[in-house]
PDB file of N, CA and C in Angstrom:
ATOM      1  N   MET A   1      52.707  80.968 117.925  1.00  0.00           N
ATOM      2  CA  MET A   1      52.560  81.104 119.312  1.00  0.00           C
ATOM      3  C   MET A   1      54.671  81.620 119.263  1.00  0.00           C
ATOM      4  N   ASN A   2      54.174  82.649 120.065  1.00  0.00           N
ATOM      5  CA  ASN A   2      55.528  83.047 120.893  1.00  0.00           C
ATOM      6  C   ASN A   2      56.259  82.497 121.483  1.00  0.00           C
ATOM      7  N   ARG A   3      57.445  82.250 120.941  1.00  0.00           N
ATOM      8  CA  ARG A   3      58.175  81.268 121.864  1.00  0.00           C
ATOM      9  C   ARG A   3      58.589  81.055 122.697  1.00  0.00           C
ATOM     10  N   TYR A   4      59.504  82.981 123.053  1.00  0.00           N
ATOM     11  CA  TYR A   4      59.605  83.103 124.457  1.00  0.00           C
ATOM     12  C   TYR A   4      58.742  84.304 125.029  1.00  0.00           C
ATOM     13  N   ALA A   5      57.902  84.222 124.848  1.00  0.00           N
ATOM     14  CA  ALA A   5      56.536  84.249 126.088  1.00  0.00           C
ATOM     15  C   ALA A   5      57.133  84.046 127.239  1.00  0.00           C
ATOM     16  N   THR A   6      57.411  82.544 127.470  1.00  0.00           N
ATOM     17  CA  THR A   6      57.658  81.889 128.929  1.00  0.00           C
ATOM     18  C   THR A   6      58.585  82.519 128.814  1.00  0.00           C
ATOM     19  N   THR A   7      59.479  82.897 128.019  1.00  0.00           N
ATOM     20  CA  THR A   7      61.374  82.819 128.860  1.00  0.00           C
ATOM     21  C   THR A   7      61.376  84.580 129.399  1.00  0.00           C
ATOM     22  N   LYS A   8      61.838  83.681 130.599  1.00  0.00           N
ATOM     23  CA  LYS A   8      62.208  84.606 131.915  1.00  0.00           C
ATOM     24  C   LYS A   8      63.364  85.774 130.963  1.00  0.00           C
ATOM     25  N   ILE A   9      63.059  86.454 131.673  1.00  0.00           N
ATOM     26  CA  ILE A   9      63.708  87.771 132.228  1.00  0.00           C
ATOM     27  C   ILE A   9      64.480  87.966 133.345  1.00  0.00           C
ATOM     28  N   LEU A  10      65.940  87.910 132.851  1.00  0.00           N
ATOM     29  CA  LEU A  10      66.493  87.846 134.056  1.00  0.00           C
ATOM     30  C   LEU A  10      67.357  89.062 133.904  1.00  0.00           C
ATOM     31  N   LYS A  11      68.754  89.337 135.075  1.00  0.00           N
ATOM     32  CA  LYS A  11      68.834  90.947 134.980  1.00  0.00           C
ATOM     33  C   LYS A  11      70.355  90.515 136.055  1.00  0.00           C
ATOM     34  N   THR A  12      71.036  91.664 136.018  1.00  0.00           N
ATOM     35  CA  THR A  12      72.652  91.285 135.901  1.00  0.00           C
ATOM     36  C   THR A  12      72.630  92.349 137.198  1.00  0.00           C
ATOM     37  N   ALA A  13      73.539  91.324 138.099  1.00  0.00           N
ATOM     38  CA  ALA A  13      73.367  91.987 139.721  1.00  0.00           C
ATOM     39  C   ALA A  13      75.209  92.879 139.572  1.00  0.00           C
ATOM     40  N   SER A  14      75.005  93.715 139.886  1.00  0.00           N
ATOM     41  CA  SER A  14      75.747  95.214 140.138  1.00  0.00           C
ATOM     42  C   SER A  14      75.066  96.003 140.427  1.00  0.00           C
ATOM     43  N   TYR A  15      75.971  96.873 141.397  1.00  0.00           N
ATOM     44  CA  TYR A  15      75.807  97.457 142.400  1.00  0.00           C
ATOM     45  C   TYR A  15      76.209  99.437 141.627  1.00  0.00           C
ATOM     46  N   SER A  16      75.987 100.356 141.852  1.00  0.00           N
ATOM     47  CA  SER A  16      76.624 101.798 141.436  1.00  0.00           C
ATOM     48  C   SER A  16      77.389 101.945 142.666  1.00  0.00           C
ATOM     49  N   ASN A  17      77.520 103.224 142.961  1.00  0.00           N
ATOM     50  CA  ASN A  17      78.530 104.270 143.704  1.00  0.00           C
ATOM     51  C   ASN A  17      77.744 104.404 144.767  1.00  0.00           C
ATOM     52  N   ASN A  18      76.027 104.524 145.024  1.00  0.00           N
ATOM     53  CA  ASN A  18      75.558 104.601 146.195  1.00  0.00           C
ATOM     54  C   ASN A  18      74.459 103.752 146.498  1.00  0.00           C
ATOM     55  N   ASN A  19      75.032 102.330 145.590  1.00  0.00           N
ATOM     56  CA  ASN A  19      74.289 101.026 146.661  1.00  0.00           C
ATOM     57  C   ASN A  19      73.516 100.811 145.933  1.00  0.00           C
ATOM     58  N   THR A  20      72.560 100.975 145.097  1.00  0.00           N
ATOM     59  CA  THR A  20      71.838 101.107 144.133  1.00  0.00           C
ATOM     60  C   THR A  20      72.273  99.760 143.418  1.00  0.00           C
ATOM     61  N   THR A  21      70.839  98.560 142.944  1.00  0.00           N
ATOM     62  CA  THR A  21      70.855  97.880 142.061  1.00  0.00           C
ATOM     63  C   THR A  21      70.894  97.753 141.043  1.00  0.00           C
ATOM     64  N   VAL A  22      71.869  97.467 140.024  1.00  0.00           N
ATOM     65  CA  VAL A  22      71.550  98.005 138.522  1.00  0.00           C
ATOM     66  C   VAL A  22      72.221  96.945 137.615  1.00  0.00           C
ATOM     67  N   GLY A  23      71.548  97.193 136.767  1.00  0.00           N
ATOM     68  CA  GLY A  23      72.398  95.630 135.523  1.00  0.00           C
ATOM     69  C   GLY A  23      71.641  96.051 134.137  1.00  0.00           C
ATOM     70  N   THR A  24      71.631  95.042 133.377  1.00  0.00           N
ATOM     71  CA  THR A  24      71.318  94.942 132.319  1.00  0.00           C
ATOM     72  C   THR A  24      70.410  93.779 132.222  1.00  0.00           C
ATOM     73  N   GLN A  25      69.368  93.935 131.448  1.00  0.00           N
ATOM     74  CA  GLN A  25      68.468  92.895 131.557  1.00  0.00           C
ATOM     75  C   GLN A  25      68.572  91.416 130.157  1.00  0.00           C
ATOM     76  N   TYR A  26      68.262  90.524 130.610  1.00  0.00           N
ATOM     77  CA  TYR A  26      68.508  89.772 129.545  1.00  0.00           C
ATOM     78  C   TYR A  26      67.920  88.356 129.245  1.00  0.00           C
ATOM     79  N   TYR A  27      67.935  87.712 128.312  1.00  0.00           N
ATOM     80  CA  TYR A  27      66.429  86.636 128.607  1.00  0.00           C
ATOM     81  C   TYR A  27      67.265  85.478 128.566  1.00  0.00           C
ATOM     82  N   ALA A  28      67.057  84.225 129.574  1.00  0.00           N
ATOM     83  CA  ALA A  28      67.258  82.773 130.124  1.00  0.00           C
ATOM     84  C   ALA A  28      67.838  82.318 128.630  1.00  0.00           C
ATOM     85  N   THR A  29      68.644  81.697 129.189  1.00  0.00           N
ATOM     86  CA  THR A  29      68.512  80.021 127.801  1.00  0.00           C
ATOM     87  C   THR A  29      67.417  80.090 127.684  1.00  0.00           C
ATOM     88  N   THR A  30      66.938  79.521 126.516  1.00  0.00           N
ATOM     89  CA  THR A  30      65.549  79.336 125.425  1.00  0.00           C
ATOM     90  C   THR A  30      65.865  77.417 125.579  1.00  0.00           C
ATOM     91  N   ARG A  31      64.895  76.388 126.168  1.00  0.00           N
ATOM     92  CA  ARG A  31      66.057  75.402 126.583  1.00  0.00           C
ATOM     93  C   ARG A  31      63.867  74.392 124.870  1.00  0.00           C
ATOM     94  N   TYR A  32      64.487  73.710 125.244  1.00  0.00           N
ATOM     95  CA  TYR A  32      63.740  72.416 124.150  1.00  0.00           C
ATOM     96  C   TYR A  32      63.896  71.768 124.137  1.00  0.00           C
ATOM     97  N   PRO A  33      62.981  70.671 123.943  1.00  0.00           N
ATOM     98  CA  PRO A  33      62.064  69.408 124.624  1.00  0.00           C
ATOM     99  C   PRO A  33      62.433  67.875 123.870  1.00  0.00           C
ATOM    100  N   GLU A  34      62.654  67.517 124.087  1.00  0.00           N
ATOM    101  CA  GLU A  34      62.794  66.144 123.226  1.00  0.00           C
ATOM    102  C   GLU A  34      61.870  66.307 123.063  1.00  0.00           C
ATOM    103  N   ILE A  35      61.973  65.315 121.223  1.00  0.00           N
ATOM    104  CA  ILE A  35      60.844  64.885 120.665  1.00  0.00           C
ATOM    105  C   ILE A  35      60.558  63.821 120.393  1.00  0.00           C
ATOM    106  N   PRO A  36      60.155  63.086 120.832  1.00  0.00           N
ATOM    107  CA  PRO A  36      60.376  61.128 120.774  1.00  0.00           C
ATOM    108  C   PRO A  36      59.336  61.184 119.402  1.00  0.00           C
ATOM    109  N   LEU A  37      59.831  60.341 119.008  1.00  0.00           N
ATOM    110  CA  LEU A  37      59.487  59.222 117.125  1.00  0.00           C
ATOM    111  C   LEU A  37      58.352  59.174 117.929  1.00  0.00           C
ATOM    112  N   ASP A  38      57.101  59.302 116.589  1.00  0.00           N
ATOM    113  CA  ASP A  38      55.529  59.221 116.988  1.00  0.00           C
ATOM    114  C   ASP A  38      55.533  58.451 116.188  1.00  0.00           C
ATOM    115  N   ALA A  39      54.156  57.340 116.035  1.00  0.00           N
ATOM    116  CA  ALA A  39      53.834  56.807 114.797  1.00  0.00           C
ATOM    117  C   ALA A  39      52.891  57.721 113.408  1.00  0.00           C
ATOM    118  N   ASN A  40      52.461  58.961 114.577  1.00  0.00           N
ATOM    119  CA  ASN A  40      51.478  59.989 113.251  1.00  0.00           C
ATOM    120  C   ASN A  40      52.768  61.025 112.893  1.00  0.00           C
ATOM    121  N   ASP A  41      53.675  61.335 113.418  1.00  0.00           N
ATOM    122  CA  ASP A  41      54.757  61.696 112.266  1.00  0.00           C
ATOM    123  C   ASP A  41      54.681  61.210 110.896  1.00  0.00           C
ATOM    124  N   ILE A  42      55.052  62.922 109.700  1.00  0.00           N
ATOM    125  CA  ILE A  42      54.562  62.852 108.973  1.00  0.00           C
ATOM    126  C   ILE A  42      56.397  62.244 108.241  1.00  0.00           C
ATOM    127  N   TYR A  43      56.739  62.044 107.313  1.00  0.00           N
ATOM    128  CA  TYR A  43      57.934  62.547 107.086  1.00  0.00           C
ATOM    129  C   TYR A  43      57.648  63.098 105.319  1.00  0.00           C
ATOM    130  N   VAL A  44      58.986  64.148 104.670  1.00  0.00           N
ATOM    131  CA  VAL A  44      58.577  64.640 104.011  1.00  0.00           C
ATOM    132  C   VAL A  44      60.222  64.825 103.520  1.00  0.00           C
ATOM    133  N   VAL A  45      59.815  64.981 101.355  1.00  0.00           N
ATOM    134  CA  VAL A  45      61.419  64.763 100.777  1.00  0.00           C
ATOM    135  C   VAL A  45      61.476  65.877 100.384  1.00  0.00           C
ATOM    136  N   THR A  46      62.318  67.457 101.087  1.00  0.00           N
ATOM    137  CA  THR A  46      61.869  68.554 100.699  1.00  0.00           C
ATOM    138  C   THR A  46      62.609  68.981  98.911  1.00  0.00           C
ATOM    139  N   ASP A  47      62.092  70.232  98.865  1.00  0.00           N
ATOM    140  CA  ASP A  47      62.633  70.877  97.344  1.00  0.00           C
ATOM    141  C   ASP A  47      62.926  71.894  97.496  1.00  0.00           C
ATOM    142  N   PHE A  48      63.550  72.400  96.284  1.00  0.00           N
ATOM    143  CA  PHE A  48      63.787  73.689  96.318  1.00  0.00           C
ATOM    144  C   PHE A  48      63.405  75.181  97.106  1.00  0.00           C
ATOM    145  N   GLY A  49      63.435  75.880  97.388  1.00  0.00           N
ATOM    146  CA  GLY A  49      62.880  76.056  97.952  1.00  0.00           C
ATOM    147  C   GLY A  49      61.870  76.546  98.596  1.00  0.00           C
ATOM    148  N   ASP A  50      62.346  75.148  99.606  1.00  0.00           N
ATOM    149  CA  ASP A  50      61.315  74.519 100.979  1.00  0.00           C
ATOM    150  C   ASP A  50      62.691  75.464 102.131  1.00  0.00           C
ATOM    151  N   ARG A  51      61.447  75.889 103.271  1.00  0.00           N
ATOM    152  CA  ARG A  51      61.853  76.436 104.062  1.00  0.00           C
ATOM    153  C   ARG A  51      61.117  75.850 105.094  1.00  0.00           C
ATOM    154  N   LEU A  52      61.779  75.350 106.805  1.00  0.00           N
ATOM    155  CA  LEU A  52      61.312  75.234 107.877  1.00  0.00           C
ATOM    156  C   LEU A  52      60.342  76.179 108.520  1.00  0.00           C
ATOM    157  N   ASP A  53      59.725  77.544 108.067  1.00  0.00           N
ATOM    158  CA  ASP A  53      58.996  78.283 108.297  1.00  0.00           C
ATOM    159  C   ASP A  53      57.510  78.015 107.548  1.00  0.00           C
ATOM    160  N   LEU A  54      58.536  78.082 106.230  1.00  0.00           N
ATOM    161  CA  LEU A  54      57.144  77.425 105.374  1.00  0.00           C
ATOM    162  C   LEU A  54      56.514  76.211 105.613  1.00  0.00           C
ATOM    163  N   LEU A  55      57.125  75.335 105.922  1.00  0.00           N
ATOM    164  CA  LEU A  55      56.210  73.738 105.887  1.00  0.00           C
ATOM    165  C   LEU A  55      55.940  74.061 107.430  1.00  0.00           C
ATOM    166  N   ALA A  56      56.420  74.912 108.460  1.00  0.00           N
ATOM    167  CA  ALA A  56      55.392  74.733 109.418  1.00  0.00           C
ATOM    168  C   ALA A  56      54.450  75.486 109.046  1.00  0.00           C
ATOM    169  N   ASN A  57      54.028  76.544 108.506  1.00  0.00           N
ATOM    170  CA  ASN A  57      52.964  76.965 107.773  1.00  0.00           C
ATOM    171  C   ASN A  57      52.088  75.842 106.760  1.00  0.00           C
ATOM    172  N   GLN A  58      52.483  75.350 106.243  1.00  0.00           N
ATOM    173  CA  GLN A  58      51.809  74.277 105.650  1.00  0.00           C
ATOM    174  C   GLN A  58      51.798  73.203 106.616  1.00  0.00           C
ATOM    175  N   PHE A  59      51.647  72.318 107.770  1.00  0.00           N
ATOM    176  CA  PHE A  59      51.815  71.341 108.198  1.00  0.00           C
ATOM    177  C   PHE A  59      51.024  71.861 109.665  1.00  0.00           C
ATOM    178  N   TYR A  60      51.457  72.973 110.036  1.00  0.00           N
ATOM    179  CA  TYR A  60      50.813  73.934 110.772  1.00  0.00           C
ATOM    180  C   TYR A  60      50.127  75.258 111.453  1.00  0.00           C
ATOM    181  N   LYS A  61      49.873  75.233 110.308  1.00  0.00           N
ATOM    182  CA  LYS A  61      49.497  76.729 109.758  1.00  0.00           C
ATOM    183  C   LYS A  61      49.448  78.004 110.563  1.00  0.00           C
ATOM    184  N   ASP A  62      50.795  77.754 110.722  1.00  0.00           N
ATOM    185  CA  ASP A  62      52.274  78.371 112.143  1.00  0.00           C
ATOM    186  C   ASP A  62      53.194  78.060 111.836  1.00  0.00           C
ATOM    187  N   VAL A  63      53.607  79.765 110.999  1.00  0.00           N
ATOM    188  CA  VAL A  63      55.506  79.887 110.210  1.00  0.00           C
ATOM    189  C   VAL A  63      55.991  80.251 112.019  1.00  0.00           C
ATOM    190  N   SER A  64      55.593  80.491 113.262  1.00  0.00           N
ATOM    191  CA  SER A  64      56.261  80.455 113.914  1.00  0.00           C
ATOM    192  C   SER A  64      57.095  79.334 114.760  1.00  0.00           C
ATOM    193  N   LEU A  65      56.202  77.819 114.716  1.00  0.00           N
ATOM    194  CA  LEU A  65      56.401  76.726 114.688  1.00  0.00           C
ATOM    195  C   LEU A  65      56.899  75.959 114.197  1.00  0.00           C
ATOM    196  N   TYR A  66      58.401  76.477 113.574  1.00  0.00           N
ATOM    197  CA  TYR A  66      58.909  76.419 112.092  1.00  0.00           C
ATOM    198  C   TYR A  66      59.959  75.152 113.331  1.00  0.00           C
ATOM    199  N   TRP A  67      60.574  75.796 114.704  1.00  0.00           N
ATOM    200  CA  TRP A  67      61.213  75.401 115.658  1.00  0.00           C
ATOM    201  C   TRP A  67      61.057  73.946 115.796  1.00  0.00           C
ATOM    202  N   ILE A  68      59.989  73.520 115.626  1.00  0.00           N
ATOM    203  CA  ILE A  68      59.489  72.074 116.268  1.00  0.00           C
ATOM    204  C   ILE A  68      60.122  71.721 115.440  1.00  0.00           C
ATOM    205  N   ILE A  69      59.627  71.666 114.078  1.00  0.00           N
ATOM    206  CA  ILE A  69      60.720  70.865 113.195  1.00  0.00           C
ATOM    207  C   ILE A  69      61.857  70.094 112.751  1.00  0.00           C
ATOM    208  N   ALA A  70      62.581  72.021 113.226  1.00  0.00           N
ATOM    209  CA  ALA A  70      64.219  72.072 113.339  1.00  0.00           C
ATOM    210  C   ALA A  70      64.381  70.990 114.378  1.00  0.00           C
ATOM    211  N   VAL A  71      64.180  70.969 116.010  1.00  0.00           N
ATOM    212  CA  VAL A  71      64.351  70.203 116.869  1.00  0.00           C
ATOM    213  C   VAL A  71      64.064  68.561 116.780  1.00  0.00           C
ATOM    214  N   ALA A  72      63.517  68.750 116.031  1.00  0.00           N
ATOM    215  CA  ALA A  72      62.870  66.741 115.647  1.00  0.00           C
ATOM    216  C   ALA A  72      63.674  66.050 114.584  1.00  0.00           C
ATOM    217  N   ASN A  73      64.757  67.136 113.702  1.00  0.00           N
ATOM    218  CA  ASN A  73      66.171  67.116 112.423  1.00  0.00           C
ATOM    219  C   ASN A  73      66.772  67.835 113.181  1.00  0.00           C
ATOM    220  N   PRO A  74      67.581  67.717 114.248  1.00  0.00           N
ATOM    221  CA  PRO A  74      68.701  67.832 114.211  1.00  0.00           C
ATOM    222  C   PRO A  74      69.880  68.192 113.084  1.00  0.00           C
ATOM    223  N   ASN A  75      69.739  66.990 112.926  1.00  0.00           N
ATOM    224  CA  ASN A  75      70.889  66.289 112.011  1.00  0.00           C
ATOM    225  C   ASN A  75      70.842  67.117 110.420  1.00  0.00           C
ATOM    226  N   GLU A  76      69.878  67.632 110.366  1.00  0.00           N
ATOM    227  CA  GLU A  76      69.339  67.268 108.816  1.00  0.00           C
ATOM    228  C   GLU A  76      69.503  69.397 108.713  1.00  0.00           C
ATOM    229  N   THR A  77      68.765  70.038 110.325  1.00  0.00           N
ATOM    230  CA  THR A  77      69.048  71.775 110.060  1.00  0.00           C
ATOM    231  C   THR A  77      70.093  71.999 110.699  1.00  0.00           C
ATOM    232  N   THR A  78      70.588  73.532 110.242  1.00  0.00           N
ATOM    233  CA  THR A  78      71.415  74.272 110.754  1.00  0.00           C
ATOM    234  C   THR A  78      71.604  75.087 111.494  1.00  0.00           C
ATOM    235  N   LEU A  79      71.199  74.567 113.164  1.00  0.00           N
ATOM    236  CA  LEU A  79      71.339  76.263 113.901  1.00  0.00           C
ATOM    237  C   LEU A  79      71.345  77.299 113.962  1.00  0.00           C
ATOM    238  N   GLY A  80      69.921  77.923 113.883  1.00  0.00           N
ATOM    239  CA  GLY A  80      69.376  79.519 113.083  1.00  0.00           C
ATOM    240  C   GLY A  80      69.682  79.371 111.595  1.00  0.00           C
ATOM    241  N   SER A  81      69.172  78.214 111.502  1.00  0.00           N
ATOM    242  CA  SER A  81      69.241  78.541 109.682  1.00  0.00           C
ATOM    243  C   SER A  81      67.627  78.753 109.163  1.00  0.00           C
ATOM    244  N   ILE A  82      66.777  78.811 108.949  1.00  0.00           N
ATOM    245  CA  ILE A  82      65.284  78.215 108.488  1.00  0.00           C
ATOM    246  C   ILE A  82      65.616  77.757 107.294  1.00  0.00           C
ATOM    247  N   ASN A  83      66.458  77.745 106.794  1.00  0.00           N
ATOM    248  CA  ASN A  83      67.058  76.939 104.707  1.00  0.00           C
ATOM    249  C   ASN A  83      66.802  75.470 105.361  1.00  0.00           C
ATOM    250  N   VAL A  84      66.775  74.564 104.114  1.00  0.00           N
ATOM    251  CA  VAL A  84      66.611  73.504 104.391  1.00  0.00           C
ATOM    252  C   VAL A  84      67.323  72.924 102.485  1.00  0.00           C
ATOM    253  N   ALA A  85      68.272  72.045 102.560  1.00  0.00           N
ATOM    254  CA  ALA A  85      68.930  71.934 100.896  1.00  0.00           C
ATOM    255  C   ALA A  85      67.473  70.950 100.368  1.00  0.00           C
ATOM    256  N   ALA A  86      67.560  70.392  99.263  1.00  0.00           N
ATOM    257  CA  ALA A  86      66.268  70.227  98.862  1.00  0.00           C
ATOM    258  C   ALA A  86      67.327  68.997  98.987  1.00  0.00           C
ATOM    259  N   GLY A  87      66.018  67.566  98.633  1.00  0.00           N
ATOM    260  CA  GLY A  87      66.950  66.517  99.073  1.00  0.00           C
ATOM    261  C   GLY A  87      66.327  66.203 100.549  1.00  0.00           C
ATOM    262  N   THR A  88      66.841  67.070 100.891  1.00  0.00           N
ATOM    263  CA  THR A  88      66.926  66.355 102.061  1.00  0.00           C
ATOM    264  C   THR A  88      65.225  65.715 103.496  1.00  0.00           C
ATOM    265  N   GLN A  89      65.029  64.509 103.652  1.00  0.00           N
ATOM    266  CA  GLN A  89      63.894  63.535 104.626  1.00  0.00           C
ATOM    267  C   GLN A  89      63.847  65.118 105.965  1.00  0.00           C
ATOM    268  N   LEU A  90      62.894  64.383 106.169  1.00  0.00           N
ATOM    269  CA  LEU A  90      63.131  65.668 107.511  1.00  0.00           C
ATOM    270  C   LEU A  90      61.259  65.352 108.358  1.00  0.00           C
ATOM    271  N   ARG A  91      61.577  64.954 109.239  1.00  0.00           N
ATOM    272  CA  ARG A  91      60.416  64.617 110.066  1.00  0.00           C
ATOM    273  C   ARG A  91      59.364  65.335 110.146  1.00  0.00           C
ATOM    274  N   ILE A  92      58.023  65.423 110.176  1.00  0.00           N
ATOM    275  CA  ILE A  92      57.365  66.695 111.002  1.00  0.00           C
ATOM    276  C   ILE A  92      56.286  65.756 112.430  1.00  0.00           C
ATOM    277  N   PRO A  93      56.647  66.376 113.483  1.00  0.00           N
ATOM    278  CA  PRO A  93      56.034  66.116 114.156  1.00  0.00           C
ATOM    279  C   PRO A  93      54.311  66.506 113.852  1.00  0.00           C
ATOM    280  N   THR A  94      53.173  65.709 115.085  1.00  0.00           N
ATOM    281  CA  THR A  94      52.471  65.875 114.071  1.00  0.00           C
ATOM    282  C   THR A  94      51.576  66.637 115.674  1.00  0.00           C
ATOM    283  N   ASP A  95      52.155  65.505 117.101  1.00  0.00           N
ATOM    284  CA  ASP A  95      51.619  66.299 117.679  1.00  0.00           C
ATOM    285  C   ASP A  95      52.498  67.527 118.643  1.00  0.00           C
ATOM    286  N   THR A  96      52.197  68.870 118.192  1.00  0.00           N
ATOM    287  CA  THR A  96      52.227  69.872 118.099  1.00  0.00           C
ATOM    288  C   THR A  96      51.325  70.268 120.462  1.00  0.00           C
ATOM    289  N   PHE A  97      50.399  69.963 120.149  1.00  0.00           N
ATOM    290  CA  PHE A  97      50.282  70.547 121.089  1.00  0.00           C
ATOM    291  C   PHE A  97      51.120  69.366 122.759  1.00  0.00           C
ATOM    292  N   SER A  98      51.544  68.970 122.939  1.00  0.00           N
ATOM    293  CA  SER A  98      52.530  68.041 123.796  1.00  0.00           C
ATOM    294  C   SER A  98      53.841  68.629 123.758  1.00  0.00           C
ATOM    295  N   ILE A  99      54.529  68.735 122.935  1.00  0.00           N
ATOM    296  CA  ILE A  99      55.481  69.513 122.246  1.00  0.00           C
ATOM    297  C   ILE A  99      55.582  70.961 122.802  1.00  0.00           C
ATOM    298  N   ILE A 100      54.515  71.794 122.429  1.00  0.00           N
ATOM    299  CA  ILE A 100      53.939  72.792 123.043  1.00  0.00           C
ATOM    300  C   ILE A 100      54.387  72.919 124.292  1.00  0.00           C
ATOM    301  N   GLN A 101      53.566  71.624 124.799  1.00  0.00           N
ATOM    302  CA  GLN A 101      53.499  72.099 126.799  1.00  0.00           C
ATOM    303  C   GLN A 101      54.552  71.334 127.560  1.00  0.00           C
ATOM    304  N   ARG A 102      56.061  70.635 126.833  1.00  0.00           N
ATOM    305  CA  ARG A 102      56.429  70.736 127.466  1.00  0.00           C
ATOM    306  C   ARG A 102      57.928  71.774 127.036  1.00  0.00           C
ATOM    307  N   PHE A 103      57.912  71.856 126.046  1.00  0.00           N
ATOM    308  CA  PHE A 103      58.187  74.181 126.009  1.00  0.00           C
ATOM    309  C   PHE A 103      58.096  74.613 127.310  1.00  0.00           C
ATOM    310  N   ASN A 104      56.973  74.707 127.555  1.00  0.00           N
ATOM    311  CA  ASN A 104      56.637  76.064 128.330  1.00  0.00           C
ATOM    312  C   ASN A 104      56.882  75.478 129.557  1.00  0.00           C
ATOM    313  N   ASP A 105      56.036  74.087 130.271  1.00  0.00           N
ATOM    314  CA  ASP A 105      57.223  73.557 131.551  1.00  0.00           C
ATOM    315  C   ASP A 105      58.848  73.505 131.438  1.00  0.00           C
ATOM    316  N   ILE A 106      59.866  73.497 130.434  1.00  0.00           N
ATOM    317  CA  ILE A 106      61.349  73.199 130.961  1.00  0.00           C
ATOM    318  C   ILE A 106      61.356  74.436 130.758  1.00  0.00           C
ATOM    319  N   ASN A 107      61.123  75.880 130.395  1.00  0.00           N
ATOM    320  CA  ASN A 107      61.397  76.767 130.127  1.00  0.00           C
ATOM    321  C   ASN A 107      60.598  78.207 130.961  1.00  0.00           C
ATOM    322  N   GLN A 108      59.538  77.346 131.803  1.00  0.00           N
ATOM    323  CA  GLN A 108      58.782  78.393 133.445  1.00  0.00           C
ATOM    324  C   GLN A 108      59.206  77.899 134.536  1.00  0.00           C
ATOM    325  N   LYS A 109      60.380  77.037 134.386  1.00  0.00           N
ATOM    326  CA  LYS A 109      61.012  77.233 136.335  1.00  0.00           C
ATOM    327  C   LYS A 109      62.428  77.666 136.231  1.00  0.00           C
TER     328      LYS A 109
END
């Protein structure tokens, strides 16, 4: 899943000398949904060498869904990093369909 597929591309508004609109394109801020606790969530304790993308591949068969694990564990993960310390307990949400649907909904507006 390309999590940026639904992210809007915006353009800065500036005008050139001949009154034509020019500007720089940029992506709108990507927002992530809250991921509520679920009775079906899986809890794992990480080992040396575990990374969020490898865990996503193991549980979801898709490395690009590592962000779901990161968002579900804000106190155990570092923003912008896929690395996680050995011995860290992580919650692995299982309802990825609903999570992805909420992600798409809040980023299409």
